[in-house]
């Protein structure tokens, strides 16, 4: 379950060079909530004017940072500076895809974005016989 389904009073605050997501998060004891926050700049960056997960410090090159509530969850939106110094049109990232609520703590969820490496590990995990002819690298 994404954090927005178990939190109230969801909002962001820009604190200097970082953006923080705050919420009243249910802690597993019925409807009781506790204050929770997570620094978005720890895992969200700016890749040439696009939000990227796995990056960091997007706030340093963003302006008009907002939280938009959409049908599929809360979206972080902003104008982000490209490498050439120009601003890209307003960009967004769905925080519901990346943040969870763990007993009243906002936590980074495992990214659903896959790289070729992640896919290879997935295949080797499900089908160990696929590595019978493996000739290079380390299998984790």
C-alpha atoms as a PDB file:
ATOM      1  CA  UNK A   1       0.000   0.000   0.000  1.00  0.00           C
ATOM      2  CA  UNK A   2       1.308   3.429  -0.891  1.00  0.00           C
ATOM      3  CA  UNK A   3       1.810   5.994   1.841  1.00  0.00           C
ATOM      4  CA  UNK A   4      -0.998   8.274   0.670  1.00  0.00           C
ATOM      5  CA  UNK A   5      -3.593   5.578   1.463  1.00  0.00           C
ATOM      6  CA  UNK A   6      -2.555   5.488   5.134  1.00  0.00           C
ATOM      7  CA  UNK A   7      -1.637   9.128   5.767  1.00  0.00           C
ATOM      8  CA  UNK A   8      -3.442  12.416   6.304  1.00  0.00           C
ATOM      9  CA  UNK A   9      -2.311  16.036   6.087  1.00  0.00           C
ATOM     10  CA  UNK A  10       0.155  15.246   3.293  1.00  0.00           C
ATOM     11  CA  UNK A  11       2.220  18.273   2.300  1.00  0.00           C
ATOM     12  CA  UNK A  12       5.702  19.413   1.308  1.00  0.00           C
ATOM     13  CA  UNK A  13       7.998  22.066   2.735  1.00  0.00           C
ATOM     14  CA  UNK A  14      11.020  23.531   0.980  1.00  0.00           C
ATOM     15  CA  UNK A  15      13.686  23.953   3.660  1.00  0.00           C
ATOM     16  CA  UNK A  16      16.624  25.762   2.125  1.00  0.00           C
ATOM     17  CA  UNK A  17      18.177  23.459  -0.473  1.00  0.00           C
ATOM     18  CA  UNK A  18      15.956  20.445   0.214  1.00  0.00           C
ATOM     19  CA  UNK A  19      12.305  19.494  -0.048  1.00  0.00           C
ATOM     20  CA  UNK A  20      10.625  17.501   2.707  1.00  0.00           C
ATOM     21  CA  UNK A  21       7.412  15.460   2.487  1.00  0.00           C
ATOM     22  CA  UNK A  22       5.389  15.571   5.704  1.00  0.00           C
ATOM     23  CA  UNK A  23       2.300  13.630   6.774  1.00  0.00           C
ATOM     24  CA  UNK A  24       0.296  12.320   9.693  1.00  0.00           C
ATOM     25  CA  UNK A  25       0.986   8.603   9.186  1.00  0.00           C
ATOM     26  CA  UNK A  26      -1.037   5.738  10.630  1.00  0.00           C
ATOM     27  CA  UNK A  27       1.237   3.673  12.831  1.00  0.00           C
ATOM     28  CA  UNK A  28      -0.650   0.376  12.814  1.00  0.00           C
ATOM     29  CA  UNK A  29      -2.542   1.003  16.065  1.00  0.00           C
ATOM     30  CA  UNK A  30      -5.991   1.518  14.592  1.00  0.00           C
ATOM     31  CA  UNK A  31      -6.508   5.033  13.333  1.00  0.00           C
ATOM     32  CA  UNK A  32      -3.757   6.580  15.469  1.00  0.00           C
ATOM     33  CA  UNK A  33      -1.365   8.784  13.481  1.00  0.00           C
ATOM     34  CA  UNK A  34       2.100  10.098  14.183  1.00  0.00           C
ATOM     35  CA  UNK A  35       4.049  12.929  12.528  1.00  0.00           C
ATOM     36  CA  UNK A  36       6.274  11.594   9.752  1.00  0.00           C
ATOM     37  CA  UNK A  37       8.615  13.119   7.206  1.00  0.00           C
ATOM     38  CA  UNK A  38      11.087  12.129   4.531  1.00  0.00           C
ATOM     39  CA  UNK A  39      13.645  14.247   2.671  1.00  0.00           C
ATOM     40  CA  UNK A  40      12.792  13.922  -1.020  1.00  0.00           C
ATOM     41  CA  UNK A  41      16.251  15.091  -2.119  1.00  0.00           C
ATOM     42  CA  UNK A  42      17.779  11.885  -0.705  1.00  0.00           C
ATOM     43  CA  UNK A  43      16.419   9.819  -3.622  1.00  0.00           C
ATOM     44  CA  UNK A  44      15.098  12.240  -6.248  1.00  0.00           C
ATOM     45  CA  UNK A  45      17.371  14.144  -8.593  1.00  0.00           C
ATOM     46  CA  UNK A  46      17.304  16.223 -11.745  1.00  0.00           C
ATOM     47  CA  UNK A  47      18.428  14.482 -14.938  1.00  0.00           C
ATOM     48  CA  UNK A  48      18.612  17.244 -17.570  1.00  0.00           C
ATOM     49  CA  UNK A  49      15.274  18.719 -16.574  1.00  0.00           C
ATOM     50  CA  UNK A  50      13.501  15.475 -15.663  1.00  0.00           C
ATOM     51  CA  UNK A  51      12.843  14.037 -12.206  1.00  0.00           C
ATOM     52  CA  UNK A  52      14.914  10.888 -11.670  1.00  0.00           C
ATOM     53  CA  UNK A  53      14.635   8.355  -8.861  1.00  0.00           C
ATOM     54  CA  UNK A  54      17.999   7.264  -7.564  1.00  0.00           C
ATOM     55  CA  UNK A  55      19.374  10.763  -7.997  1.00  0.00           C
ATOM     56  CA  UNK A  56      19.586  13.422  -5.338  1.00  0.00           C
ATOM     57  CA  UNK A  57      19.329  17.151  -4.643  1.00  0.00           C
ATOM     58  CA  UNK A  58      16.679  18.092  -7.231  1.00  0.00           C
ATOM     59  CA  UNK A  59      15.720  21.131  -5.121  1.00  0.00           C
ATOM     60  CA  UNK A  60      18.988  22.869  -6.020  1.00  0.00           C
ATOM     61  CA  UNK A  61      17.895  23.137  -9.682  1.00  0.00           C
ATOM     62  CA  UNK A  62      14.114  23.416  -9.286  1.00  0.00           C
ATOM     63  CA  UNK A  63      11.613  26.200  -8.806  1.00  0.00           C
ATOM     64  CA  UNK A  64       7.881  26.469  -8.205  1.00  0.00           C
ATOM     65  CA  UNK A  65       7.978  23.150  -6.351  1.00  0.00           C
ATOM     66  CA  UNK A  66       4.454  21.936  -5.608  1.00  0.00           C
ATOM     67  CA  UNK A  67       2.519  18.883  -4.489  1.00  0.00           C
ATOM     68  CA  UNK A  68      -0.428  18.014  -6.731  1.00  0.00           C
ATOM     69  CA  UNK A  69      -3.079  15.528  -5.676  1.00  0.00           C
ATOM     70  CA  UNK A  70      -4.198  13.425  -8.632  1.00  0.00           C
ATOM     71  CA  UNK A  71      -6.384  10.359  -8.993  1.00  0.00           C
ATOM     72  CA  UNK A  72      -3.366   8.036  -8.823  1.00  0.00           C
ATOM     73  CA  UNK A  73      -1.709   9.714  -5.842  1.00  0.00           C
ATOM     74  CA  UNK A  74       0.302  12.779  -4.860  1.00  0.00           C
ATOM     75  CA  UNK A  75       2.700  14.109  -7.488  1.00  0.00           C
ATOM     76  CA  UNK A  76       5.766  16.233  -6.828  1.00  0.00           C
ATOM     77  CA  UNK A  77       5.936  18.824  -9.613  1.00  0.00           C
ATOM     78  CA  UNK A  78       8.380  21.598 -10.469  1.00  0.00           C
ATOM     79  CA  UNK A  79      10.199  23.396 -13.234  1.00  0.00           C
ATOM     80  CA  UNK A  80      13.641  21.783 -13.487  1.00  0.00           C
ATOM     81  CA  UNK A  81      16.737  23.294 -15.076  1.00  0.00           C
ATOM     82  CA  UNK A  82      18.288  21.445 -18.013  1.00  0.00           C
ATOM     83  CA  UNK A  83      22.047  21.019 -18.502  1.00  0.00           C
ATOM     84  CA  UNK A  84      22.062  23.992 -20.920  1.00  0.00           C
ATOM     85  CA  UNK A  85      20.602  26.248 -18.210  1.00  0.00           C
ATOM     86  CA  UNK A  86      17.107  26.454 -19.692  1.00  0.00           C
ATOM     87  CA  UNK A  87      14.026  25.329 -17.787  1.00  0.00           C
ATOM     88  CA  UNK A  88      12.103  22.325 -19.013  1.00  0.00           C
ATOM     89  CA  UNK A  89       8.294  22.556 -18.836  1.00  0.00           C
ATOM     90  CA  UNK A  90       6.765  21.560 -15.479  1.00  0.00           C
ATOM     91  CA  UNK A  91       7.708  17.972 -14.658  1.00  0.00           C
ATOM     92  CA  UNK A  92       6.225  15.542 -12.164  1.00  0.00           C
ATOM     93  CA  UNK A  93       6.933  12.308 -10.331  1.00  0.00           C
ATOM     94  CA  UNK A  94       4.261  10.204  -8.646  1.00  0.00           C
ATOM     95  CA  UNK A  95       5.386   9.880  -5.031  1.00  0.00           C
ATOM     96  CA  UNK A  96       2.888   7.044  -4.488  1.00  0.00           C
ATOM     97  CA  UNK A  97       5.152   4.847  -6.641  1.00  0.00           C
ATOM     98  CA  UNK A  98       8.228   5.532  -4.533  1.00  0.00           C
ATOM     99  CA  UNK A  99       7.251   6.072  -0.885  1.00  0.00           C
ATOM    100  CA  UNK A 100       5.567   3.790   1.638  1.00  0.00           C
ATOM    101  CA  UNK A 101       4.367   3.960   5.231  1.00  0.00           C
ATOM    102  CA  UNK A 102       6.113   1.486   7.522  1.00  0.00           C
ATOM    103  CA  UNK A 103       4.338   1.649  10.883  1.00  0.00           C
ATOM    104  CA  UNK A 104       4.216   5.426  10.911  1.00  0.00           C
ATOM    105  CA  UNK A 105       7.538   6.046   9.161  1.00  0.00           C
ATOM    106  CA  UNK A 106       7.739   7.308   5.588  1.00  0.00           C
ATOM    107  CA  UNK A 107      10.198   5.076   3.740  1.00  0.00           C
ATOM    108  CA  UNK A 108      11.552   4.713   0.217  1.00  0.00           C
ATOM    109  CA  UNK A 109       9.899   1.832  -1.589  1.00  0.00           C
ATOM    110  CA  UNK A 110      11.867  -0.387  -3.914  1.00  0.00           C
ATOM    111  CA  UNK A 111      11.824   1.312  -7.276  1.00  0.00           C
ATOM    112  CA  UNK A 112       9.607  -0.268  -9.906  1.00  0.00           C
ATOM    113  CA  UNK A 113      11.910   1.061 -12.604  1.00  0.00           C
ATOM    114  CA  UNK A 114      14.037  -1.709 -14.051  1.00  0.00           C
ATOM    115  CA  UNK A 115      17.403  -1.638 -15.655  1.00  0.00           C
ATOM    116  CA  UNK A 116      18.700  -4.417 -17.869  1.00  0.00           C
ATOM    117  CA  UNK A 117      20.868  -5.519 -14.934  1.00  0.00           C
ATOM    118  CA  UNK A 118      17.822  -5.794 -12.642  1.00  0.00           C
ATOM    119  CA  UNK A 119      16.030  -7.842 -15.290  1.00  0.00           C
ATOM    120  CA  UNK A 120      19.014 -10.202 -15.632  1.00  0.00           C
ATOM    121  CA  UNK A 121      19.112 -10.758 -11.869  1.00  0.00           C
ATOM    122  CA  UNK A 122      15.354 -11.406 -11.870  1.00  0.00           C
ATOM    123  CA  UNK A 123      15.675 -14.025 -14.625  1.00  0.00           C
ATOM    124  CA  UNK A 124      18.657 -15.725 -12.966  1.00  0.00           C
ATOM    125  CA  UNK A 125      16.797 -15.831  -9.662  1.00  0.00           C
ATOM    126  CA  UNK A 126      13.693 -17.431 -11.159  1.00  0.00           C
ATOM    127  CA  UNK A 127      15.510 -19.660 -13.630  1.00  0.00           C
ATOM    128  CA  UNK A 128      18.888 -20.738 -12.202  1.00  0.00           C
ATOM    129  CA  UNK A 129      19.380 -23.148 -15.099  1.00  0.00           C
ATOM    130  CA  UNK A 130      19.652 -20.083 -17.326  1.00  0.00           C
ATOM    131  CA  UNK A 131      23.147 -19.534 -15.926  1.00  0.00           C
ATOM    132  CA  UNK A 132      24.462 -23.027 -16.720  1.00  0.00           C
ATOM    133  CA  UNK A 133      26.537 -21.526 -19.538  1.00  0.00           C
ATOM    134  CA  UNK A 134      27.453 -18.365 -17.614  1.00  0.00           C
ATOM    135  CA  UNK A 135      30.955 -17.292 -18.621  1.00  0.00           C
ATOM    136  CA  UNK A 136      31.474 -13.891 -17.082  1.00  0.00           C
ATOM    137  CA  UNK A 137      30.883 -11.617 -14.186  1.00  0.00           C
ATOM    138  CA  UNK A 138      29.661 -12.297 -10.711  1.00  0.00           C
ATOM    139  CA  UNK A 139      26.237 -13.724  -9.997  1.00  0.00           C
ATOM    140  CA  UNK A 140      24.754 -12.098  -6.920  1.00  0.00           C
END
